[in-house]
Amino acid sequence: MAPRKLAAGNWKMNGDLAALDQIDAMAEAVKGASCDVLICPPALLIPAMIAKGVVAVGGQDCHAEASGAHTGDISGQMLRDAGATHVILGHSERRADHHETDETVRAKALAAHRAGLIAIICLGETGDQRDGGHTLQVIAAQLAGSVPEGATAANTVIAYEPVWAIGTGRTPTIPQIAEVHARLRADLSDRLSDGAEVSLLYGGSVKGANAAEIFAIPHVDGALVGGASLKAADFLPIVAALDAA
């Protein structure tokens, strides 16, 4: 079975109730799409976005514990109870700003799986690691350390986001993206019985102008999109390109 195609938007710490008009603007195009379309807004917007009934909705993080004295955190079960289907874990901004390690991400992914959520596990190298020729080693180590036992194509998505390309307007070359995704596919196939079916997303300055070229790369099954997912006019061309891939 081929991996499912997924266009996922990460709104990060952006958006308010008025911004949900953008979801309404996506309605007609998304309804006819053959690929899956997901938006991960700030947690407070999840119920209102779900009520729109237009796109699948996910969280941007969850705690490794189901409950407890963890002020400011949110559990996987809470996201699931709110109606979320996915959760982004290990994004480079959380790895950097909150000092999350592969072990932390793996524990959160286990919690997400227990809650019935699909974990979107993010991996990516820094500019120094890329320039030093260490990309494949970094990616392989993050994959091995972040993906928990029990991961399957049904409960796990992998997103490759080179840190140096996120929000910078810089995009890796097609051969660079292809090399990383081929390595991810090979490692997943070696480790998981259904590793060939795990969806692999690319993220990092994806936009309508370059989406078709990126989606033509083998083992690129979709995208994790940041800023370009905030506006329907920017996000829908990416969805259309994935639909046509």
Protein backbone atom coordinates (compact mmCIF):
# COMPACT_ATOMS: atom_id res chain seq x y z
CA MET A 1 0.00 0.00 0.00
CA ALA A 2 1.32 3.45 -0.89
CA PRO A 3 1.80 6.02 1.89
CA ARG A 4 -1.07 8.44 2.35
CA LYS A 5 -0.52 11.93 0.97
CA LEU A 6 -0.79 14.63 3.62
CA ALA A 7 -0.72 18.42 3.43
CA ALA A 8 -0.25 19.60 7.02
CA GLY A 9 -0.21 23.20 8.19
CA ASN A 10 1.52 24.29 11.38
CA TRP A 11 0.14 27.64 12.51
CA LYS A 12 2.67 27.83 15.36
CA MET A 13 1.82 30.71 17.78
CA ASN A 14 -0.31 32.53 15.23
CA GLY A 15 -4.03 33.02 14.69
CA ASP A 16 -7.17 34.00 16.56
CA LEU A 17 -10.86 33.32 16.11
CA ALA A 18 -11.00 35.79 13.24
CA ALA A 19 -8.30 33.79 11.45
CA LEU A 20 -10.68 30.85 11.19
CA ASP A 21 -12.20 32.64 8.20
CA GLN A 22 -9.23 31.17 6.32
CA ILE A 23 -10.59 27.69 7.04
CA ASP A 24 -13.92 28.68 5.51
CA ALA A 25 -12.01 29.90 2.46
CA MET A 26 -10.44 26.44 2.08
CA ALA A 27 -13.70 24.54 2.30
CA GLU A 28 -14.61 23.99 -1.33
CA ALA A 29 -11.10 23.13 -2.51
CA VAL A 30 -10.39 20.81 0.41
CA LYS A 31 -13.69 18.98 -0.04
CA GLY A 32 -12.61 17.82 -3.48
CA ALA A 33 -9.02 16.92 -2.54
CA SER A 34 -7.85 13.31 -2.65
CA CYS A 35 -4.97 14.00 -0.25
CA ASP A 36 -5.46 14.44 3.50
CA VAL A 37 -5.46 18.05 4.72
CA LEU A 38 -4.55 18.89 8.32
CA ILE A 39 -4.15 22.15 10.23
CA CYS A 40 -2.43 22.30 13.63
CA PRO A 41 -3.46 25.62 15.23
CA PRO A 42 -2.72 26.92 18.73
CA ALA A 43 -4.49 24.65 21.21
CA LEU A 44 -7.17 27.19 22.14
CA LEU A 45 -8.39 27.26 18.54
CA ILE A 46 -8.74 23.47 18.18
CA PRO A 47 -12.43 23.15 19.20
CA ALA A 48 -13.53 26.09 17.05
CA MET A 49 -11.58 24.80 14.06
CA ILE A 50 -13.01 21.30 14.48
CA ALA A 51 -16.49 22.80 14.56
CA LYS A 52 -15.88 24.10 11.05
CA GLY A 53 -15.73 20.50 9.82
CA VAL A 54 -13.46 21.45 6.90
CA VAL A 55 -10.03 19.99 7.69
CA ALA A 56 -8.53 17.47 10.08
CA VAL A 57 -7.14 19.23 13.16
CA GLY A 58 -4.08 18.49 15.26
CA GLY A 59 -2.05 19.80 18.16
CA GLN A 60 1.45 21.25 18.11
CA ASP A 61 2.80 19.34 21.12
CA CYS A 62 1.75 17.11 23.99
CA HIS A 63 3.21 16.04 27.32
CA ALA A 64 4.62 12.57 27.85
CA GLU A 65 2.30 12.05 30.84
CA ALA A 66 -1.46 11.67 30.63
CA SER A 67 -2.07 14.05 33.55
CA GLY A 68 -0.37 15.57 36.56
CA ALA A 69 1.34 18.65 37.96
CA HIS A 70 2.62 20.04 34.67
CA THR A 71 1.49 23.66 34.58
CA GLY A 72 0.96 25.00 31.08
CA ASP A 73 1.19 21.61 29.36
CA ILE A 74 -1.45 19.64 27.51
CA SER A 75 -1.76 15.86 27.29
CA GLY A 76 -2.39 13.70 24.28
CA GLN A 77 -5.69 12.57 25.78
CA MET A 78 -6.80 16.19 26.17
CA LEU A 79 -6.07 16.80 22.49
CA ARG A 80 -7.95 13.65 21.56
CA ASP A 81 -10.91 14.63 23.76
CA ALA A 82 -11.00 17.99 22.00
CA GLY A 83 -11.29 16.19 18.67
CA ALA A 84 -7.71 16.34 17.39
CA THR A 85 -6.43 13.45 15.29
CA HIS A 86 -2.72 14.33 15.04
CA VAL A 87 0.01 16.03 17.05
CA ILE A 88 3.32 17.52 15.90
CA LEU A 89 6.25 16.37 18.05
CA GLY A 90 9.93 17.25 18.11
CA HIS A 91 9.67 20.33 15.91
CA SER A 92 13.06 22.03 15.71
CA GLU A 93 11.69 25.09 17.49
CA ARG A 94 10.77 22.94 20.49
CA ARG A 95 14.04 21.03 20.32
CA ALA A 96 15.89 24.37 20.40
CA ASP A 97 13.68 26.57 22.59
CA HIS A 98 12.61 23.88 25.09
CA HIS A 99 15.74 21.70 24.88
CA GLU A 100 13.78 18.63 23.81
CA THR A 101 15.92 15.56 23.13
CA ASP A 102 15.21 12.51 21.01
CA GLU A 103 14.33 10.71 24.26
CA THR A 104 11.79 13.41 25.11
CA VAL A 105 10.24 13.21 21.66
CA ARG A 106 10.05 9.41 21.84
CA ALA A 107 8.25 9.57 25.20
CA LYS A 108 5.78 12.10 23.82
CA ALA A 109 5.18 9.95 20.74
CA LEU A 110 4.37 6.99 22.98
CA ALA A 111 1.90 9.17 24.88
CA ALA A 112 0.33 10.32 21.62
CA HIS A 113 -0.07 6.72 20.47
CA ARG A 114 -1.66 5.74 23.78
CA ALA A 115 -4.15 8.58 23.34
CA GLY A 116 -5.04 7.42 19.84
CA LEU A 117 -3.30 10.30 18.06
CA ILE A 118 -1.11 10.15 14.96
CA ALA A 119 2.34 11.47 15.89
CA ILE A 120 4.05 13.69 13.32
CA ILE A 121 7.68 13.31 14.38
CA CYS A 122 9.98 16.06 13.09
CA LEU A 123 13.64 15.63 12.18
CA GLY A 124 16.15 18.05 10.72
CA GLU A 125 19.75 19.19 10.65
CA THR A 126 21.16 22.64 11.39
CA GLY A 127 23.07 24.69 8.86
CA ASP A 128 26.38 23.79 10.51
CA GLN A 129 25.53 20.09 10.38
CA ARG A 130 24.59 20.37 6.71
CA ASP A 131 27.75 22.33 5.86
CA GLY A 132 29.84 19.82 7.79
CA GLY A 133 28.51 16.91 5.75
CA HIS A 134 26.73 15.29 8.71
CA THR A 135 23.13 15.47 7.51
CA LEU A 136 22.48 11.77 6.98
CA GLN A 137 24.10 10.78 10.27
CA VAL A 138 22.07 13.40 12.17
CA ILE A 139 18.81 12.37 10.52
CA ALA A 140 19.42 8.66 11.09
CA ALA A 141 20.23 9.26 14.77
CA GLN A 142 17.14 11.42 15.29
CA LEU A 143 14.94 8.82 13.62
CA ALA A 144 16.38 5.99 15.71
CA GLY A 145 16.05 7.98 18.93
CA SER A 146 12.69 9.65 18.38
CA VAL A 147 10.50 6.91 16.89
CA PRO A 148 9.17 4.61 19.63
CA GLU A 149 8.50 0.91 19.67
CA GLY A 150 5.01 0.26 18.39
CA ALA A 151 5.23 2.89 15.68
CA THR A 152 3.36 1.96 12.51
CA ALA A 153 2.24 3.62 9.31
CA ALA A 154 -1.17 4.04 10.96
CA ASN A 155 0.03 6.04 13.96
CA THR A 156 3.21 7.77 12.81
CA VAL A 157 4.23 10.32 10.19
CA ILE A 158 7.80 11.53 9.73
CA ALA A 159 8.52 15.14 8.73
CA TYR A 160 11.96 16.16 7.48
CA GLU A 161 12.49 19.86 8.12
CA PRO A 162 16.04 21.14 7.69
CA VAL A 163 16.38 23.70 10.46
CA TRP A 164 18.20 26.15 8.21
CA ALA A 165 15.28 26.20 5.73
CA ILE A 166 12.43 26.89 8.17
CA GLY A 167 11.08 30.38 7.66
CA THR A 168 14.22 31.54 5.86
CA GLY A 169 13.07 31.30 2.25
CA ARG A 170 15.96 28.93 1.59
CA THR A 171 15.12 25.46 0.28
CA PRO A 172 17.45 22.47 -0.14
CA THR A 173 18.15 21.36 -3.66
CA ILE A 174 16.03 18.58 -5.13
CA PRO A 175 18.93 16.08 -4.84
CA GLN A 176 19.44 17.04 -1.17
CA ILE A 177 15.79 16.43 -0.31
CA ALA A 178 15.78 13.20 -2.33
CA GLU A 179 18.87 11.90 -0.52
CA VAL A 180 17.38 12.44 2.93
CA HIS A 181 13.97 11.00 2.07
CA ALA A 182 15.55 7.94 0.48
CA ARG A 183 17.57 7.37 3.66
CA LEU A 184 14.49 7.81 5.83
CA ARG A 185 12.53 5.32 3.73
CA ALA A 186 15.35 2.78 3.87
CA ASP A 187 15.75 3.10 7.65
CA LEU A 188 12.00 2.90 8.27
CA SER A 189 11.71 -0.16 6.01
CA ASP A 190 14.51 -1.84 7.94
CA ARG A 191 12.96 -1.07 11.31
CA LEU A 192 9.19 -1.30 10.80
CA SER A 193 7.24 -4.07 9.10
CA ASP A 194 5.19 -1.42 7.29
CA GLY A 195 7.97 1.17 7.01
CA ALA A 196 7.40 1.46 3.26
CA GLU A 197 3.91 2.82 4.02
CA VAL A 198 4.86 5.53 6.55
CA SER A 199 4.10 8.98 5.15
CA LEU A 200 7.20 11.14 4.77
CA LEU A 201 6.65 14.90 4.70
CA TYR A 202 9.06 17.62 3.66
CA GLY A 203 8.96 20.97 5.43
CA GLY A 204 10.93 24.18 5.14
CA SER A 205 9.93 27.12 2.91
CA VAL A 206 7.37 25.09 0.94
CA LYS A 207 5.17 27.33 -1.19
CA GLY A 208 2.94 27.10 -4.22
CA ALA A 209 5.79 28.00 -6.56
CA ASN A 210 8.01 25.06 -5.56
CA ALA A 211 5.49 22.50 -4.27
CA ALA A 212 5.03 20.51 -7.50
CA GLU A 213 8.78 20.08 -7.93
CA ILE A 214 9.16 18.91 -4.33
CA PHE A 215 6.23 16.49 -4.52
CA ALA A 216 7.73 14.88 -7.63
CA ILE A 217 10.67 13.65 -5.53
CA PRO A 218 10.47 9.93 -4.66
CA HIS A 219 9.40 9.24 -1.06
CA VAL A 220 8.00 12.75 -0.53
CA ASP A 221 4.39 12.09 0.43
CA GLY A 222 3.39 15.59 1.42
CA ALA A 223 4.48 18.66 3.32
CA LEU A 224 4.51 20.21 6.77
CA VAL A 225 3.93 23.88 6.01
CA GLY A 226 4.46 26.81 8.34
CA GLY A 227 3.74 30.39 7.32
CA ALA A 228 2.20 29.45 3.98
CA SER A 229 -0.58 27.56 5.78
CA LEU A 230 -1.94 30.68 7.50
CA LYS A 231 -3.70 31.99 4.41
CA ALA A 232 -5.95 29.93 2.15
CA ALA A 233 -4.55 31.71 -0.91
CA ASP A 234 -1.05 30.46 -0.02
CA PHE A 235 -1.94 27.00 1.27
CA LEU A 236 -4.40 25.83 -1.37
CA PRO A 237 -1.86 25.85 -4.24
CA ILE A 238 0.28 23.50 -2.13
CA VAL A 239 -2.72 21.22 -1.55
CA ALA A 240 -3.49 21.28 -5.28
CA ALA A 241 0.10 20.40 -6.17
CA LEU A 242 0.04 17.44 -3.78
CA ASP A 243 -3.32 16.34 -5.11
CA ALA A 244 -1.85 16.30 -8.63
CA ALA A 245 1.37 14.52 -7.65
